[in-house]
Amino acid sequence: FITDAGTPKVDHIAAHPDVSVSLTNVETQTYVTLAGRADVLDDRAKMKEIWDVATHVYYPDGPDDPTLRLVRVAVER
């Protein structure tokens, strides 16, 4: 997930890396919940790989914006 480095979630992940992630597809009524450990990365190549139009709406300066980070979750269950 792409996020801004200045958001409280970045500090929260550093202090409490155990997280839950929920995903929903309302069209198919599919719901998934994952649990794992999160960390925050500054990986420009991966940001460019996953960048899309929807992300650009929130972060108009693009994947080279120095304030952006990735949240990676290592799924445990």
C-alpha atoms as a PDB file:
ATOM      1  CA  PHE A   1       0.000   0.000   0.000  1.00  0.00           C
ATOM      2  CA  ILE A   2       1.226   3.494  -0.766  1.00  0.00           C
ATOM      3  CA  THR A   3       0.991   6.080   1.996  1.00  0.00           C
ATOM      4  CA  ASP A   4       2.453   9.389   3.077  1.00  0.00           C
ATOM      5  CA  ALA A   5       5.448   9.230   5.436  1.00  0.00           C
ATOM      6  CA  GLY A   6       3.873  11.900   7.654  1.00  0.00           C
ATOM      7  CA  THR A   7       0.716   9.983   8.531  1.00  0.00           C
ATOM      8  CA  PRO A   8       0.212   8.670  12.073  1.00  0.00           C
ATOM      9  CA  LYS A   9      -0.068   5.117  10.708  1.00  0.00           C
ATOM     10  CA  VAL A  10       3.670   5.102   9.943  1.00  0.00           C
ATOM     11  CA  ASP A  11       4.503   5.718  13.610  1.00  0.00           C
ATOM     12  CA  HIS A  12       1.797   3.291  14.688  1.00  0.00           C
ATOM     13  CA  ILE A  13       3.245   0.517  12.526  1.00  0.00           C
ATOM     14  CA  ALA A  14       6.705   1.139  14.008  1.00  0.00           C
ATOM     15  CA  ALA A  15       5.285   0.759  17.526  1.00  0.00           C
ATOM     16  CA  HIS A  16       2.716  -1.978  16.785  1.00  0.00           C
ATOM     17  CA  PRO A  17       3.527  -3.936  13.617  1.00  0.00           C
ATOM     18  CA  ASP A  18       0.831  -6.595  14.113  1.00  0.00           C
ATOM     19  CA  VAL A  19      -2.007  -5.578  11.785  1.00  0.00           C
ATOM     20  CA  SER A  20      -5.203  -6.739  10.141  1.00  0.00           C
ATOM     21  CA  VAL A  21      -6.102  -5.904   6.556  1.00  0.00           C
ATOM     22  CA  SER A  22      -9.619  -6.214   5.148  1.00  0.00           C
ATOM     23  CA  LEU A  23     -10.420  -6.242   1.437  1.00  0.00           C
ATOM     24  CA  THR A  24     -13.851  -6.073  -0.139  1.00  0.00           C
ATOM     25  CA  ASN A  25     -15.189  -6.561  -3.634  1.00  0.00           C
ATOM     26  CA  VAL A  26     -18.744  -5.248  -3.440  1.00  0.00           C
ATOM     27  CA  GLU A  27     -19.599  -6.430  -6.957  1.00  0.00           C
ATOM     28  CA  THR A  28     -18.962 -10.080  -6.104  1.00  0.00           C
ATOM     29  CA  GLN A  29     -19.620  -9.692  -2.368  1.00  0.00           C
ATOM     30  CA  THR A  30     -16.214 -11.180  -1.628  1.00  0.00           C
ATOM     31  CA  TYR A  31     -14.595 -10.296   1.690  1.00  0.00           C
ATOM     32  CA  VAL A  32     -11.120 -11.218   2.896  1.00  0.00           C
ATOM     33  CA  THR A  33      -9.383 -10.432   6.182  1.00  0.00           C
ATOM     34  CA  LEU A  34      -5.654 -10.974   6.570  1.00  0.00           C
ATOM     35  CA  ALA A  35      -3.458 -10.744   9.660  1.00  0.00           C
ATOM     36  CA  GLY A  36       0.286 -10.245   9.708  1.00  0.00           C
ATOM     37  CA  ARG A  37       3.192  -7.952  10.447  1.00  0.00           C
ATOM     38  CA  ALA A  38       3.614  -4.615   8.698  1.00  0.00           C
ATOM     39  CA  ASP A  39       6.661  -2.555   7.936  1.00  0.00           C
ATOM     40  CA  VAL A  40       7.234   0.722   6.098  1.00  0.00           C
ATOM     41  CA  LEU A  41       9.571   0.858   3.097  1.00  0.00           C
ATOM     42  CA  ASP A  42      11.012   3.496   0.781  1.00  0.00           C
ATOM     43  CA  ASP A  43      11.128   1.410  -2.406  1.00  0.00           C
ATOM     44  CA  ARG A  44      10.709   3.633  -5.478  1.00  0.00           C
ATOM     45  CA  ALA A  45      10.914   0.741  -7.958  1.00  0.00           C
ATOM     46  CA  LYS A  46       8.019  -1.094  -6.269  1.00  0.00           C
ATOM     47  CA  MET A  47       5.987   2.138  -6.058  1.00  0.00           C
ATOM     48  CA  LYS A  48       6.378   2.632  -9.800  1.00  0.00           C
ATOM     49  CA  GLU A  49       5.400  -0.993 -10.383  1.00  0.00           C
ATOM     50  CA  ILE A  50       2.111  -0.740  -8.464  1.00  0.00           C
ATOM     51  CA  TRP A  51       1.281   2.896  -9.343  1.00  0.00           C
ATOM     52  CA  ASP A  52      -2.113   3.389 -11.008  1.00  0.00           C
ATOM     53  CA  VAL A  53      -4.597   6.117 -11.893  1.00  0.00           C
ATOM     54  CA  ALA A  54      -6.461   5.799  -8.586  1.00  0.00           C
ATOM     55  CA  THR A  55      -3.242   6.326  -6.626  1.00  0.00           C
ATOM     56  CA  HIS A  56      -2.455   9.399  -8.715  1.00  0.00           C
ATOM     57  CA  VAL A  57      -5.705  10.996  -7.520  1.00  0.00           C
ATOM     58  CA  TYR A  58      -4.417  10.930  -3.930  1.00  0.00           C
ATOM     59  CA  TYR A  59      -0.750  11.591  -4.702  1.00  0.00           C
ATOM     60  CA  PRO A  60      -0.583  13.839  -7.797  1.00  0.00           C
ATOM     61  CA  ASP A  61       3.217  14.299  -7.601  1.00  0.00           C
ATOM     62  CA  GLY A  62       3.670  10.678  -8.671  1.00  0.00           C
ATOM     63  CA  PRO A  63       5.727   7.787  -7.341  1.00  0.00           C
ATOM     64  CA  ASP A  64       8.901   9.904  -7.125  1.00  0.00           C
ATOM     65  CA  ASP A  65       7.314  12.099  -4.422  1.00  0.00           C
ATOM     66  CA  PRO A  66       9.899  11.932  -1.590  1.00  0.00           C
ATOM     67  CA  THR A  67       7.179  11.900   1.088  1.00  0.00           C
ATOM     68  CA  LEU A  68       5.670   8.604  -0.086  1.00  0.00           C
ATOM     69  CA  ARG A  69       6.289   5.218   1.500  1.00  0.00           C
ATOM     70  CA  LEU A  70       5.062   1.669   1.058  1.00  0.00           C
ATOM     71  CA  VAL A  71       3.364  -0.346   3.753  1.00  0.00           C
ATOM     72  CA  ARG A  72       4.160  -4.029   3.303  1.00  0.00           C
ATOM     73  CA  VAL A  73       2.284  -6.698   5.214  1.00  0.00           C
ATOM     74  CA  ALA A  74       3.794 -10.154   5.647  1.00  0.00           C
ATOM     75  CA  VAL A  75       0.631 -12.233   5.908  1.00  0.00           C
ATOM     76  CA  GLU A  76       0.663 -14.792   8.706  1.00  0.00           C
ATOM     77  CA  ARG A  77      -2.966 -15.918   8.546  1.00  0.00           C
END
